[in-house]
C-alpha atoms as a PDB file:
ATOM      1  CA  UNK A   1     206.624  53.549 111.029  1.00  0.00           C
ATOM      2  CA  UNK A   2     203.006  54.674 110.974  1.00  0.00           C
ATOM      3  CA  UNK A   3     200.970  54.774 107.774  1.00  0.00           C
ATOM      4  CA  UNK A   4     198.012  57.007 107.207  1.00  0.00           C
ATOM      5  CA  UNK A   5     194.635  55.452 106.344  1.00  0.00           C
ATOM      6  CA  UNK A   6     193.433  56.251 102.817  1.00  0.00           C
ATOM      7  CA  UNK A   7     190.913  59.077 102.639  1.00  0.00           C
ATOM      8  CA  UNK A   8     187.416  58.266 101.386  1.00  0.00           C
ATOM      9  CA  UNK A   9     186.645  59.888  98.044  1.00  0.00           C
ATOM     10  CA  UNK A  10     183.645  60.057  95.799  1.00  0.00           C
ATOM     11  CA  UNK A  11     183.602  60.611  92.033  1.00  0.00           C
ATOM     12  CA  UNK A  12     181.433  63.389  90.720  1.00  0.00           C
ATOM     13  CA  UNK A  13     179.919  63.679  87.237  1.00  0.00           C
ATOM     14  CA  UNK A  14     182.961  65.409  85.738  1.00  0.00           C
ATOM     15  CA  UNK A  15     185.118  62.464  86.733  1.00  0.00           C
ATOM     16  CA  UNK A  16     187.235  64.213  89.349  1.00  0.00           C
ATOM     17  CA  UNK A  17     187.328  63.004  92.915  1.00  0.00           C
ATOM     18  CA  UNK A  18     186.044  64.923  95.857  1.00  0.00           C
ATOM     19  CA  UNK A  19     186.680  64.141  99.505  1.00  0.00           C
ATOM     20  CA  UNK A  20     183.555  63.592 101.585  1.00  0.00           C
ATOM     21  CA  UNK A  21     183.442  63.218 105.353  1.00  0.00           C
ATOM     22  CA  UNK A  22     181.998  59.936 106.644  1.00  0.00           C
ATOM     23  CA  UNK A  23     178.354  60.176 107.757  1.00  0.00           C
ATOM     24  CA  UNK A  24     178.253  59.546 111.541  1.00  0.00           C
ATOM     25  CA  UNK A  25     174.704  58.133 111.402  1.00  0.00           C
ATOM     26  CA  UNK A  26     175.646  55.650 108.676  1.00  0.00           C
ATOM     27  CA  UNK A  27     178.741  54.559 110.591  1.00  0.00           C
ATOM     28  CA  UNK A  28     176.610  53.996 113.696  1.00  0.00           C
ATOM     29  CA  UNK A  29     174.256  51.608 111.833  1.00  0.00           C
ATOM     30  CA  UNK A  30     176.899  49.843 109.672  1.00  0.00           C
ATOM     31  CA  UNK A  31     177.387  46.871 112.095  1.00  0.00           C
ATOM     32  CA  UNK A  32     173.639  46.123 111.961  1.00  0.00           C
ATOM     33  CA  UNK A  33     173.090  46.316 108.195  1.00  0.00           C
ATOM     34  CA  UNK A  34     173.941  42.652 107.569  1.00  0.00           C
ATOM     35  CA  UNK A  35     171.694  41.218 110.294  1.00  0.00           C
ATOM     36  CA  UNK A  36     168.809  39.042 109.166  1.00  0.00           C
ATOM     37  CA  UNK A  37     165.267  39.844 110.269  1.00  0.00           C
ATOM     38  CA  UNK A  38     161.817  38.361 109.677  1.00  0.00           C
ATOM     39  CA  UNK A  39     159.354  40.714 107.993  1.00  0.00           C
ATOM     40  CA  UNK A  40     155.664  39.941 108.409  1.00  0.00           C
ATOM     41  CA  UNK A  41     152.448  41.554 107.225  1.00  0.00           C
ATOM     42  CA  UNK A  42     149.438  40.860 109.448  1.00  0.00           C
ATOM     43  CA  UNK A  43     146.098  40.255 107.754  1.00  0.00           C
ATOM     44  CA  UNK A  44     143.035  38.718 109.432  1.00  0.00           C
ATOM     45  CA  UNK A  45     141.793  35.743 107.433  1.00  0.00           C
ATOM     46  CA  UNK A  46     138.311  34.675 108.566  1.00  0.00           C
ATOM     47  CA  UNK A  47     137.813  30.889 108.770  1.00  0.00           C
ATOM     48  CA  UNK A  48     141.062  30.203 106.896  1.00  0.00           C
ATOM     49  CA  UNK A  49     142.209  26.588 107.381  1.00  0.00           C
ATOM     50  CA  UNK A  50     145.272  24.529 106.483  1.00  0.00           C
ATOM     51  CA  UNK A  51     143.211  22.870 103.736  1.00  0.00           C
ATOM     52  CA  UNK A  52     142.617  26.347 102.226  1.00  0.00           C
ATOM     53  CA  UNK A  53     146.340  27.043 102.364  1.00  0.00           C
ATOM     54  CA  UNK A  54     147.141  23.818 100.519  1.00  0.00           C
ATOM     55  CA  UNK A  55     144.734  24.798  97.710  1.00  0.00           C
ATOM     56  CA  UNK A  56     146.511  28.108  97.045  1.00  0.00           C
ATOM     57  CA  UNK A  57     148.140  28.598  93.647  1.00  0.00           C
ATOM     58  CA  UNK A  58     149.333  31.496  91.529  1.00  0.00           C
ATOM     59  CA  UNK A  59     146.406  33.866  91.013  1.00  0.00           C
ATOM     60  CA  UNK A  60     144.421  32.712  94.060  1.00  0.00           C
ATOM     61  CA  UNK A  61     142.271  35.323  95.828  1.00  0.00           C
ATOM     62  CA  UNK A  62     141.819  35.256  99.589  1.00  0.00           C
ATOM     63  CA  UNK A  63     139.048  37.089 101.415  1.00  0.00           C
ATOM     64  CA  UNK A  64     140.206  39.158 104.409  1.00  0.00           C
ATOM     65  CA  UNK A  65     138.486  41.384 106.955  1.00  0.00           C
ATOM     66  CA  UNK A  66     140.916  44.197 106.159  1.00  0.00           C
ATOM     67  CA  UNK A  67     139.326  47.183 104.465  1.00  0.00           C
ATOM     68  CA  UNK A  68     140.863  48.083 101.128  1.00  0.00           C
ATOM     69  CA  UNK A  69     141.392  51.703 102.162  1.00  0.00           C
ATOM     70  CA  UNK A  70     143.514  50.831 105.200  1.00  0.00           C
ATOM     71  CA  UNK A  71     147.249  50.191 105.098  1.00  0.00           C
ATOM     72  CA  UNK A  72     148.527  46.963 106.636  1.00  0.00           C
ATOM     73  CA  UNK A  73     151.056  46.712 109.468  1.00  0.00           C
ATOM     74  CA  UNK A  74     154.616  45.630 108.646  1.00  0.00           C
ATOM     75  CA  UNK A  75     156.612  44.050 111.471  1.00  0.00           C
ATOM     76  CA  UNK A  76     160.328  43.274 111.775  1.00  0.00           C
ATOM     77  CA  UNK A  77     160.983  40.483 114.262  1.00  0.00           C
ATOM     78  CA  UNK A  78     157.510  41.076 115.731  1.00  0.00           C
ATOM     79  CA  UNK A  79     157.949  44.829 116.224  1.00  0.00           C
ATOM     80  CA  UNK A  80     155.689  47.210 114.285  1.00  0.00           C
ATOM     81  CA  UNK A  81     157.980  49.310 112.076  1.00  0.00           C
ATOM     82  CA  UNK A  82     155.726  50.693 109.337  1.00  0.00           C
ATOM     83  CA  UNK A  83     152.439  50.653 107.485  1.00  0.00           C
ATOM     84  CA  UNK A  84     152.374  49.439 103.883  1.00  0.00           C
ATOM     85  CA  UNK A  85     149.987  48.942 100.994  1.00  0.00           C
ATOM     86  CA  UNK A  86     149.983  46.127  98.485  1.00  0.00           C
ATOM     87  CA  UNK A  87     151.055  46.842  94.935  1.00  0.00           C
ATOM     88  CA  UNK A  88     151.479  44.727  91.848  1.00  0.00           C
ATOM     89  CA  UNK A  89     154.919  44.856  90.258  1.00  0.00           C
ATOM     90  CA  UNK A  90     154.818  42.866  87.036  1.00  0.00           C
ATOM     91  CA  UNK A  91     153.888  39.352  88.115  1.00  0.00           C
ATOM     92  CA  UNK A  92     154.933  39.876  91.748  1.00  0.00           C
ATOM     93  CA  UNK A  93     153.170  41.228  94.800  1.00  0.00           C
ATOM     94  CA  UNK A  94     155.043  44.163  96.342  1.00  0.00           C
ATOM     95  CA  UNK A  95     154.659  46.345  99.406  1.00  0.00           C
ATOM     96  CA  UNK A  96     154.813  50.129  99.241  1.00  0.00           C
ATOM     97  CA  UNK A  97     155.893  51.827 102.441  1.00  0.00           C
ATOM     98  CA  UNK A  98     153.342  54.540 103.321  1.00  0.00           C
ATOM     99  CA  UNK A  99     154.150  55.468 106.931  1.00  0.00           C
ATOM    100  CA  UNK A 100     156.839  54.662 109.494  1.00  0.00           C
ATOM    101  CA  UNK A 101     155.590  53.588 112.910  1.00  0.00           C
END
């Protein structure tokens, strides 16, 4: 005896359900969504030493050779994926995506 798979449904604002076809692009990427990756932001730090790193604390300012008007490269597992800019979000440093590579 064969049983049919349940259809995917999505609730709308009125509370009724509406059938929606699965997105083929989303299904294609689903197996990869849980994979871990290393994200890095590359900034040149002139004459930065381990001793300087050990002195860092909350609120420290580091001089870079990167111009303020340029976005910084964002890499996933060493591959350039986007350009970002720094942004303050409350007490945390955040990255705003500005352009995909």
